[in-house]
Amino acid sequence: MKPQPPTFVNRRLPRRTILRGAGVAVALPWLSAMERAVARPAAATPKRFVAMSLSLGLHEENLVPEQAGRDYSPSIYAREFQDIRDRVTIISGASHPGVTGGHRAEASILTAAPIGSSGSARNTISIDQYLAKQLGEATRFSSLVLSAGGSNSPSYTENGSMIPAESSPAKLFNQLFVDDSEAKRTQQAERVRQGRSIMDLVAEDARRLQRELGAIDRDRLDAYFTSVRDLEKRMAESERWALRPKPKIDERPPVDVSNPNDLVARQHTMQDVIRLALKTDSTRLITFHIGGAGGIVPVEGVDEGYHNLSHHGLDDEKIEQLTLVETALIAGWTDFLRDLAATDEADGSLLDNTQVLLTSNLGNASNHSNKNMPVLFAGGRHQHGKHLAFDRTNNYPLPNLFVSAIQEMGIEADRFASSTGTMTGL
C-alpha cells in the first residue's frame, strides 16, 4: 500500500520544522499552523505625510523671526501658532538648488527638479509619489492629490506627468466614505481583473521578445518588466479595496464653497476632509495646493486681488492687505495642526504621527524669486520648536528636509533629488 503524506490538523508547528528521510532534510515554508504558534506583535501606528503648498509664497518679513534657535521672538505669522510652538519648525535660507523660473517653478515644489524658466527640461517624481510607490499599497488610496481650486498640483509621476488635483471636498468625501452599490463594486473589481489579465499577456509576449534582443534592449525591457510588475501589484490592491466597504463616520458631508476666490474657506473645508482621511487610515500621503487666485479674497480689510497684492513692489498698503490674507491662511494651517494634535492614537496624537509641510516655490513673489522659500514644518517625531536659519545668500538645499521626512516614514534612503543628506537641526 502506497504511504500517504502526513496530515496536520489544528496543530501548531515550530517555525523551524524540518522534513527528514533517507539522509535528506527539507525545510518547510511558512505555514499558517506556524503563524498560530507565534505571538504576533501589535501593529505599529501608521506614519503619514501631508504637504501643503502655496502658489504665491509668504511675505518673508512677516514670516521669518530675527533670531535663530529656540528662543526666537515670534514674527507676525508665527504668532498664529505660539500655543503649539513646540510642534512647529520655521526654516529660512533654504531652496531647491538650480531651480528657477518664477511661477513656473510651482512644478518643482515637491520634486526639486530644475526644469528651467522655459520648462524644456522634464520634471521628475514628487516626494509624495515617491513615498506612495513604497507605502501606498497599505491604504485604499495610495495618495490624495488635492487643491483649493483648479486641477493644478505639485504632484508628479516618475516620468514627469502632473497628477490632476481634486478640488471638491464634497466629491472627496464621497470617494472616501460613501459606498458604491454591491453591483458596482463587483463591476469595478472585474474591470481590474481584466486589466491584470491584459498585463499578464503583455508581459509574457515581452519575455519571448527578450530572447531575440541585444544587451541594451534587454536592459530596457527589464525596466519595462519592473513597471509591469508594479502596475500588476497596484491593480491587485485596487481589486481588494474595490470589494471592501468604506469606513463609516459620524460626520456630515461638507458643502463646497462656491466662491472661487474664498481660498480661506476652501482651505478650511478641504482640511476637515483631510483630517478624516488620515483618521480613518484611508490614505497616509496627501498633497494640498492653494493656488494664486486673481480675485479678491473675502477677508475684512482686503479690496484688491490676491495675485496683485503678492506683486506689491514694497507698497505699504498692498503689503498690509497681503498680510491679512496670508495671516488667515497661516491661521487655517495652524487650525489643522491643532485638530491633528487633539486626535488621540495608541502612541500619541495624530500630529505625532503625521509630518505636515507648508511651503511655496516663491521666496519673493513680488520679484518672482525662487530663493529663500518659505518653509513651515510640523508634526512627526522631529525636534521642533525652533527657527532653523540658514544662509540667505547661499541657500541650504531644501531637498535635505525631504530626506528627513522620507526616513521618518520608515524608508531607508539617503538621497532625494539634489539633497546632500538629512536636514541639519531636525
Protein backbone atom coordinates (compact mmCIF):
# COMPACT_ATOMS: atom_id res chain seq x y z
CA MET A 1 0.00 0.00 0.00
CA LYS A 2 1.38 3.40 -1.02
CA PRO A 3 2.29 5.51 2.04
CA GLN A 4 0.18 8.65 2.44
CA PRO A 5 1.72 12.04 3.19
CA PRO A 6 1.28 13.21 6.78
CA THR A 7 -1.75 15.39 7.51
CA PHE A 8 -1.61 18.16 10.11
CA VAL A 9 -4.98 19.13 11.53
CA ASN A 10 -5.29 22.03 14.02
CA ARG A 11 -1.69 21.58 15.11
CA ARG A 12 0.87 24.21 15.93
CA LEU A 13 4.16 23.65 14.17
CA PRO A 14 7.51 25.06 15.22
CA ARG A 15 8.82 27.64 12.76
CA ARG A 16 11.93 25.52 12.06
CA THR A 17 10.04 22.31 11.21
CA ILE A 18 12.19 20.03 9.02
CA LEU A 19 11.11 17.00 6.99
CA ARG A 20 13.73 14.26 7.17
CA GLY A 21 14.11 10.97 5.35
CA ALA A 22 16.74 8.84 3.58
CA GLY A 23 19.50 11.19 4.63
CA VAL A 24 17.74 14.29 3.21
CA ALA A 25 16.46 17.26 5.24
CA VAL A 26 13.95 19.68 3.73
CA ALA A 27 12.86 22.90 5.47
CA LEU A 28 9.18 23.73 5.22
CA PRO A 29 7.98 27.15 4.05
CA TRP A 30 5.99 29.38 6.38
CA LEU A 31 2.63 27.73 7.07
CA SER A 32 -0.48 29.06 8.79
CA ALA A 33 -0.01 26.48 11.55
CA MET A 34 3.33 28.08 12.29
CA GLU A 35 1.75 31.52 12.30
CA ARG A 36 -0.66 30.48 15.07
CA ALA A 37 2.27 29.35 17.17
CA VAL A 38 3.95 32.76 17.14
CA ALA A 39 2.74 35.74 19.15
CA ARG A 40 2.16 38.49 16.61
CA PRO A 41 3.30 41.96 17.61
CA ALA A 42 0.76 44.75 17.75
CA ALA A 43 0.52 46.69 14.52
CA ALA A 44 2.55 49.89 14.60
CA THR A 45 0.70 53.18 14.38
CA PRO A 46 0.95 54.33 10.75
CA LYS A 47 3.06 57.33 9.81
CA ARG A 48 1.72 59.97 7.44
CA PHE A 49 2.97 62.86 5.33
CA VAL A 50 0.93 65.91 4.29
CA ALA A 51 2.40 68.60 2.02
CA MET A 52 0.53 71.88 1.65
CA SER A 53 1.77 74.39 -0.89
CA LEU A 54 1.06 77.99 -1.87
CA SER A 55 1.41 79.45 -5.36
CA LEU A 56 2.21 82.96 -4.16
CA GLY A 57 4.59 82.39 -1.27
CA LEU A 58 4.57 84.20 2.08
CA HIS A 59 5.92 87.67 2.77
CA GLU A 60 9.32 86.92 4.28
CA GLU A 61 9.45 89.85 6.71
CA ASN A 62 6.19 88.64 8.29
CA LEU A 63 7.28 85.00 8.49
CA VAL A 64 10.96 84.79 9.43
CA PRO A 65 11.94 85.67 13.04
CA GLU A 66 15.02 87.81 13.61
CA GLN A 67 16.56 85.27 15.98
CA ALA A 68 17.58 81.71 15.23
CA GLY A 69 17.16 78.74 17.55
CA ARG A 70 14.55 78.04 20.22
CA ASP A 71 14.40 81.48 21.81
CA TYR A 72 13.17 83.36 18.76
CA SER A 73 10.67 86.21 19.15
CA PRO A 74 7.62 85.26 17.09
CA SER A 75 7.09 87.01 13.78
CA ILE A 76 3.64 88.24 12.72
CA TYR A 77 2.77 84.87 11.18
CA ALA A 78 4.47 82.80 13.89
CA ARG A 79 2.15 84.37 16.48
CA GLU A 80 -0.63 82.25 14.99
CA PHE A 81 0.93 79.00 16.27
CA GLN A 82 2.53 80.06 19.54
CA ASP A 83 0.24 77.76 21.55
CA ILE A 84 1.73 74.79 19.65
CA ARG A 85 5.12 76.35 19.04
CA ASP A 86 6.93 73.23 20.25
CA ARG A 87 5.34 71.25 17.38
CA VAL A 88 6.49 73.58 14.56
CA THR A 89 9.85 74.41 12.97
CA ILE A 90 10.42 77.59 10.96
CA ILE A 91 13.06 77.14 8.24
CA SER A 92 14.70 80.07 6.42
CA GLY A 93 17.54 80.36 3.93
CA ALA A 94 16.60 77.15 2.08
CA SER A 95 15.60 76.45 -1.52
CA HIS A 96 15.87 73.89 -4.31
CA PRO A 97 19.35 74.07 -5.90
CA GLY A 98 19.27 75.09 -9.54
CA VAL A 99 15.51 75.73 -9.61
CA THR A 100 14.50 78.97 -11.34
CA GLY A 101 11.61 80.19 -13.44
CA GLY A 102 9.44 82.13 -11.01
CA HIS A 103 5.85 80.92 -11.21
CA ARG A 104 6.89 78.05 -13.49
CA ALA A 105 8.85 76.55 -10.59
CA GLU A 106 5.50 75.70 -9.00
CA ALA A 107 6.02 72.36 -10.74
CA SER A 108 9.22 71.85 -8.71
CA ILE A 109 7.85 72.45 -5.19
CA LEU A 110 7.85 68.75 -4.29
CA THR A 111 10.20 67.40 -6.97
CA ALA A 112 13.11 69.86 -6.60
CA ALA A 113 13.78 69.31 -10.31
CA PRO A 114 15.40 72.26 -12.15
CA ILE A 115 13.06 72.33 -15.13
CA GLY A 116 14.16 75.86 -16.11
CA SER A 117 12.28 79.03 -16.99
CA SER A 118 11.30 77.62 -20.40
CA GLY A 119 10.03 74.37 -18.91
CA SER A 120 12.02 72.43 -21.52
CA ALA A 121 13.58 70.01 -19.01
CA ARG A 122 11.50 67.05 -17.88
CA ASN A 123 10.14 67.01 -14.35
CA THR A 124 10.68 64.07 -12.01
CA ILE A 125 8.79 62.30 -9.23
CA SER A 126 7.47 64.35 -6.31
CA ILE A 127 8.14 63.28 -2.73
CA ASP A 128 4.51 62.24 -2.12
CA GLN A 129 4.54 59.90 -5.12
CA TYR A 130 7.99 58.61 -4.18
CA LEU A 131 6.52 57.63 -0.82
CA ALA A 132 3.34 56.27 -2.43
CA LYS A 133 5.35 53.87 -4.60
CA GLN A 134 6.73 52.23 -1.48
CA LEU A 135 3.98 52.71 1.09
CA GLY A 136 0.77 53.39 -0.82
CA GLU A 137 -0.48 49.81 -1.02
CA ALA A 138 -1.30 49.80 2.71
CA THR A 139 -4.38 52.01 2.26
CA ARG A 140 -7.39 52.27 -0.05
CA PHE A 141 -5.92 55.39 -1.66
CA SER A 142 -2.17 55.29 -2.21
CA SER A 143 -2.20 59.09 -2.06
CA LEU A 144 -4.60 62.02 -2.37
CA VAL A 145 -3.81 64.98 -4.60
CA LEU A 146 -5.99 67.97 -3.72
CA SER A 147 -6.33 71.69 -4.36
CA ALA A 148 -8.34 74.69 -3.20
CA GLY A 149 -9.41 75.30 -6.80
CA GLY A 150 -8.45 74.03 -10.24
CA SER A 151 -6.67 70.84 -11.24
CA ASN A 152 -3.05 72.02 -10.99
CA SER A 153 -0.93 70.26 -8.41
CA PRO A 154 2.74 69.87 -7.35
CA SER A 155 2.40 66.06 -7.54
CA TYR A 156 4.28 64.38 -10.39
CA THR A 157 4.80 60.81 -11.53
CA GLU A 158 8.18 59.23 -12.20
CA ASN A 159 8.04 60.23 -15.87
CA GLY A 160 7.25 63.85 -15.01
CA SER A 161 3.49 63.89 -15.61
CA MET A 162 1.42 66.10 -13.32
CA ILE A 163 -1.32 64.33 -11.34
CA PRO A 164 -4.52 66.41 -11.56
CA ALA A 165 -5.91 67.59 -8.25
CA GLU A 166 -9.39 67.09 -6.81
CA SER A 167 -10.75 70.48 -5.71
CA SER A 168 -14.19 69.47 -4.40
CA PRO A 169 -14.32 68.48 -0.70
CA ALA A 170 -17.82 67.06 -1.30
CA LYS A 171 -16.60 64.73 -4.07
CA LEU A 172 -13.61 63.74 -1.98
CA PHE A 173 -15.88 62.92 0.96
CA ASN A 174 -17.97 60.65 -1.27
CA GLN A 175 -14.88 58.89 -2.61
CA LEU A 176 -13.66 58.27 0.93
CA PHE A 177 -16.81 57.36 2.82
CA VAL A 178 -19.83 56.71 0.57
CA ASP A 179 -20.06 53.10 -0.60
CA ASP A 180 -21.00 52.21 -4.16
CA SER A 181 -23.67 49.58 -4.67
CA GLU A 182 -22.57 45.95 -4.39
CA ALA A 183 -23.12 45.50 -8.11
CA LYS A 184 -20.92 48.49 -8.93
CA ARG A 185 -18.16 47.29 -6.57
CA THR A 186 -18.21 43.89 -8.26
CA GLN A 187 -18.08 45.57 -11.67
CA GLN A 188 -15.07 47.65 -10.62
CA ALA A 189 -13.26 44.57 -9.32
CA GLU A 190 -13.97 42.72 -12.58
CA ARG A 191 -12.54 45.62 -14.61
CA VAL A 192 -9.39 45.46 -12.53
CA ARG A 193 -9.13 41.70 -13.09
CA GLN A 194 -9.49 42.16 -16.84
CA GLY A 195 -6.75 44.76 -16.76
CA ARG A 196 -4.47 42.40 -14.85
CA SER A 197 -5.08 39.66 -17.45
CA ILE A 198 -4.04 42.03 -20.23
CA MET A 199 -0.89 42.96 -18.34
CA ASP A 200 -0.07 39.25 -17.91
CA LEU A 201 -0.38 38.71 -21.67
CA VAL A 202 1.79 41.70 -22.48
CA ALA A 203 4.46 40.60 -20.01
CA GLU A 204 4.60 37.08 -21.49
CA ASP A 205 4.88 38.49 -25.01
CA ALA A 206 7.74 40.74 -23.91
CA ARG A 207 9.62 37.81 -22.37
CA ARG A 208 9.52 35.98 -25.69
CA LEU A 209 10.87 39.07 -27.44
CA GLN A 210 13.70 39.46 -24.94
CA ARG A 211 15.47 36.31 -26.22
CA GLU A 212 15.93 37.99 -29.60
CA LEU A 213 17.36 41.32 -28.39
CA GLY A 214 20.79 42.72 -27.63
CA ALA A 215 22.05 43.74 -24.18
CA ILE A 216 20.90 47.38 -24.34
CA ASP A 217 17.39 46.46 -25.42
CA ARG A 218 17.24 43.72 -22.79
CA ASP A 219 18.01 46.35 -20.14
CA ARG A 220 15.19 48.48 -21.50
CA LEU A 221 12.84 45.53 -21.38
CA ASP A 222 13.93 44.74 -17.84
CA ALA A 223 12.87 48.26 -16.83
CA TYR A 224 9.61 47.61 -18.65
CA PHE A 225 9.08 44.35 -16.73
CA THR A 226 9.59 46.24 -13.49
CA SER A 227 6.91 48.76 -14.43
CA VAL A 228 4.56 45.92 -15.45
CA ARG A 229 5.07 44.17 -12.12
CA ASP A 230 4.49 47.44 -10.25
CA LEU A 231 1.28 48.03 -12.17
CA GLU A 232 0.06 44.47 -11.56
CA LYS A 233 0.73 44.91 -7.85
CA ARG A 234 -1.23 48.15 -7.74
CA MET A 235 -4.08 46.59 -9.69
CA ALA A 236 -4.22 43.66 -7.27
CA GLU A 237 -4.55 46.11 -4.40
CA SER A 238 -7.26 48.02 -6.30
CA GLU A 239 -9.25 44.80 -6.69
CA ARG A 240 -9.01 44.10 -2.97
CA TRP A 241 -10.16 47.59 -1.99
CA ALA A 242 -12.95 47.65 -4.60
CA LEU A 243 -14.76 44.84 -2.76
CA ARG A 244 -14.19 46.15 0.75
CA PRO A 245 -16.71 48.53 2.39
CA LYS A 246 -15.52 52.06 3.09
CA PRO A 247 -15.11 53.31 6.69
CA LYS A 248 -18.21 54.61 8.47
CA ILE A 249 -18.00 58.01 10.14
CA ASP A 250 -20.44 60.10 12.15
CA GLU A 251 -19.88 63.35 10.26
CA ARG A 252 -21.95 65.20 7.71
CA PRO A 253 -20.67 65.64 4.16
CA PRO A 254 -19.13 69.08 3.53
CA VAL A 255 -20.68 71.69 1.27
CA ASP A 256 -18.37 73.05 -1.41
CA VAL A 257 -17.54 76.76 -1.21
CA SER A 258 -18.95 78.36 -4.35
CA ASN A 259 -16.77 81.50 -4.36
CA PRO A 260 -13.55 80.55 -6.23
CA ASN A 261 -11.70 83.43 -4.55
CA ASP A 262 -12.57 82.42 -0.99
CA LEU A 263 -9.35 80.48 -0.51
CA VAL A 264 -9.56 80.64 3.27
CA ALA A 265 -12.98 78.95 3.44
CA ARG A 266 -11.93 76.45 0.79
CA GLN A 267 -8.80 75.68 2.79
CA HIS A 268 -10.77 75.00 5.98
CA THR A 269 -13.35 72.82 4.24
CA MET A 270 -10.76 70.64 2.49
CA GLN A 271 -8.64 70.36 5.63
CA ASP A 272 -11.64 68.95 7.51
CA VAL A 273 -11.90 66.12 4.98
CA ILE A 274 -8.13 65.60 5.01
CA ARG A 275 -8.27 65.08 8.77
CA LEU A 276 -10.98 62.43 8.31
CA ALA A 277 -8.97 60.70 5.59
CA LEU A 278 -5.98 60.45 7.92
CA LYS A 279 -8.03 59.47 10.95
CA THR A 280 -9.69 56.56 9.11
CA ASP A 281 -6.39 55.50 7.52
CA SER A 282 -7.93 55.88 4.07
CA THR A 283 -4.57 57.25 2.95
CA ARG A 284 -1.28 58.27 4.55
CA LEU A 285 0.02 60.61 1.86
CA ILE A 286 -1.67 63.86 0.87
CA THR A 287 -0.79 66.99 -1.09
CA PHE A 288 -2.98 70.09 -0.92
CA HIS A 289 -2.23 73.04 -3.18
CA ILE A 290 -3.60 76.57 -2.69
CA GLY A 291 -3.24 78.46 -5.95
CA GLY A 292 -2.93 82.17 -6.59
CA ALA A 293 -6.46 83.36 -7.19
CA GLY A 294 -6.63 86.57 -9.18
CA GLY A 295 -9.76 87.83 -7.45
CA ILE A 296 -10.31 89.43 -4.06
CA VAL A 297 -10.09 87.03 -1.12
CA PRO A 298 -13.07 87.89 1.13
CA VAL A 299 -11.07 88.89 4.21
CA GLU A 300 -12.05 92.03 6.10
CA GLY A 301 -9.84 94.95 5.07
CA VAL A 302 -8.92 93.47 1.67
CA ASP A 303 -10.18 95.13 -1.52
CA GLU A 304 -7.56 94.12 -4.09
CA GLY A 305 -6.88 90.84 -5.86
CA TYR A 306 -4.60 88.34 -4.13
CA HIS A 307 -2.24 87.95 -7.10
CA ASN A 308 -1.81 91.71 -7.45
CA LEU A 309 -1.13 92.03 -3.73
CA SER A 310 1.64 89.43 -3.98
CA HIS A 311 3.33 91.73 -6.54
CA HIS A 312 3.40 94.52 -4.00
CA GLY A 313 6.63 96.24 -5.09
CA LEU A 314 7.13 97.17 -1.42
CA ASP A 315 3.96 99.27 -1.47
CA ASP A 316 2.93 99.55 2.20
CA GLU A 317 -0.82 99.44 1.54
CA LYS A 318 -0.53 96.32 -0.60
CA ILE A 319 1.70 94.62 1.95
CA GLU A 320 -0.82 95.44 4.67
CA GLN A 321 -3.63 93.75 2.72
CA LEU A 322 -1.40 90.85 1.71
CA THR A 323 -0.59 90.34 5.40
CA LEU A 324 -4.29 89.98 6.18
CA VAL A 325 -4.73 87.27 3.53
CA GLU A 326 -1.59 85.36 4.44
CA THR A 327 -2.30 85.57 8.17
CA ALA A 328 -5.70 83.96 7.52
CA LEU A 329 -4.04 81.15 5.52
CA ILE A 330 -1.44 80.55 8.26
CA ALA A 331 -4.21 80.54 10.87
CA GLY A 332 -6.09 77.92 8.84
CA TRP A 333 -2.98 75.76 8.59
CA THR A 334 -2.49 76.07 12.35
CA ASP A 335 -6.11 75.05 12.99
CA PHE A 336 -5.38 71.89 11.02
CA LEU A 337 -2.38 71.15 13.24
CA ARG A 338 -4.49 71.68 16.36
CA ASP A 339 -7.13 69.27 15.05
CA LEU A 340 -4.47 66.61 14.48
CA ALA A 341 -2.97 67.24 17.93
CA ALA A 342 -6.42 66.80 19.51
CA THR A 343 -6.96 63.41 17.83
CA ASP A 344 -5.60 60.63 20.05
CA GLU A 345 -3.91 57.48 18.78
CA ALA A 346 -2.39 54.48 20.52
CA ASP A 347 1.02 56.08 20.99
CA GLY A 348 0.31 59.80 20.96
CA SER A 349 -1.72 62.13 18.79
CA LEU A 350 -2.41 62.12 15.07
CA LEU A 351 0.02 65.04 14.79
CA ASP A 352 2.75 62.99 16.48
CA ASN A 353 2.44 60.51 13.61
CA THR A 354 1.87 62.98 10.77
CA GLN A 355 4.51 65.22 9.23
CA VAL A 356 2.95 68.42 7.86
CA LEU A 357 4.83 70.69 5.46
CA LEU A 358 3.80 74.16 4.30
CA THR A 359 5.91 75.76 1.57
CA SER A 360 5.91 77.56 -1.78
CA ASN A 361 8.04 77.81 -4.89
CA LEU A 362 8.28 81.59 -4.44
CA GLY A 363 10.51 83.08 -1.78
CA ASN A 364 9.62 86.56 -3.02
CA ALA A 365 6.50 86.66 -5.16
CA SER A 366 6.95 90.35 -5.92
CA ASN A 367 10.09 89.71 -7.98
CA HIS A 368 9.45 86.02 -8.79
CA SER A 369 12.47 84.80 -6.83
CA ASN A 370 12.71 81.08 -6.13
CA LYS A 371 15.37 81.52 -3.45
CA ASN A 372 14.65 81.61 0.30
CA MET A 373 11.50 79.53 0.02
CA PRO A 374 9.06 79.90 2.94
CA VAL A 375 9.03 76.68 4.96
CA LEU A 376 7.00 75.64 7.99
CA PHE A 377 7.35 72.05 9.13
CA ALA A 378 5.34 70.37 11.89
CA GLY A 379 4.47 67.01 13.40
CA GLY A 380 6.20 63.67 13.37
CA ARG A 381 8.93 62.80 15.84
CA HIS A 382 11.32 65.60 14.89
CA GLN A 383 12.88 68.09 17.30
CA HIS A 384 10.61 71.07 16.66
CA GLY A 385 10.13 74.39 18.44
CA LYS A 386 12.87 76.41 16.77
CA HIS A 387 13.88 78.59 13.86
CA LEU A 388 16.46 76.89 11.64
CA ALA A 389 18.18 79.85 9.98
CA PHE A 390 20.42 79.01 7.04
CA ASP A 391 22.38 81.29 4.72
CA ARG A 392 20.01 83.59 2.81
CA THR A 393 22.64 84.22 0.13
CA ASN A 394 23.94 80.69 -0.36
CA ASN A 395 20.82 78.73 0.39
CA TYR A 396 20.73 75.38 2.15
CA PRO A 397 19.32 72.53 0.00
CA LEU A 398 15.65 72.09 0.92
CA PRO A 399 15.64 68.52 -0.51
CA ASN A 400 17.53 67.58 2.68
CA LEU A 401 14.25 68.14 4.51
CA PHE A 402 12.62 65.68 2.12
CA VAL A 403 15.23 63.05 3.02
CA SER A 404 14.50 63.61 6.72
CA ALA A 405 10.78 63.22 6.03
CA ILE A 406 11.35 60.05 4.00
CA GLN A 407 13.39 58.49 6.77
CA GLU A 408 10.75 59.45 9.35
CA MET A 409 8.30 57.42 7.24
CA GLY A 410 10.48 54.37 7.86
CA ILE A 411 12.21 54.23 4.47
CA GLU A 412 15.98 53.76 4.35
CA ALA A 413 17.05 56.42 1.86
CA ASP A 414 19.86 58.96 1.94
CA ARG A 415 19.07 60.96 -1.21
CA PHE A 416 16.21 62.72 -2.90
CA ALA A 417 16.76 64.93 -5.96
CA SER A 418 19.64 67.36 -5.18
CA SER A 419 19.87 66.56 -1.47
CA THR A 420 23.19 66.24 0.34
CA GLY A 421 21.90 64.36 3.39
CA THR A 422 19.30 64.89 6.07
CA MET A 423 18.36 68.35 7.31
CA THR A 424 20.68 69.80 9.92
CA GLY A 425 18.92 70.67 13.17
CA LEU A 426 15.91 68.36 12.96
